[in-house]
């Protein structure tokens, strides 16, 4: 047995013994300890625990996310962005990490990269329109209007006949008195195969006219012709009618 073989054999033996005796470092335990430190704003101590966790498992997205979070709180932006990027790389479905990375990029004037990150996320994620609408609402609260628009377009791609995402944007821009943007979304209500009750469609058509938007006439189902049914005569009425004739 050469030296290399003996080394690997000894290493495996140590790992097996450590696993039996409970000495293998517990990543979950380290992350949980870090969360306690974070709760009390002890970020350096949290970073120490999380560094140990990522040394053991570099591809653990939870550890990478919390490490990025700690560096963000410490205003170490480059390290923050680096660990957030690893978190979304290894955990592409981890929404909290995706949003943290998107916000951090946006807040540090990297708008294009922030939007690219959002686009990758919505393409990766299999979700209903209401989920993307919820994302849009989150972005609107942060005044991230381009991000909100991208999330709404994702909702429309998933459910092109659903009017709710567009109506949410119309209501938002009307509340901000941004008539130009509200009008853009009203036009979208009539530009595809949006399904709405006839009464709602008529109301939105009236609102479109208020904004000076020219739209095709709202289709209304033709009235149903009611066939007049002659009343049935009783035997007595029939006899009387025949006499009078």
Foldseek 3Di string as FASTA:
>chain_A
DDPVVVVVVVVVVVVVVCVVVVNDDDLVVLQVVLVVCVVVPVLVSSLVSLVVSCVVPVLALSSLQVNLVSCVVVVVLVSNLVSLVSSCVSVVQPVVSLVVNLVSCVVVVNNVVSLVSLVVSLVPDDDELVVLLVVLVVCVVVVVNVSSVVSNVSNCVRPVQALVSLVVQLVSCVVVVNLVSNLVSLVSCQPDNHDDPLVVVVVSVVVNVVSVHDGDDRDDDDDDDDDDDDDDDDPVVVVVVVVVD
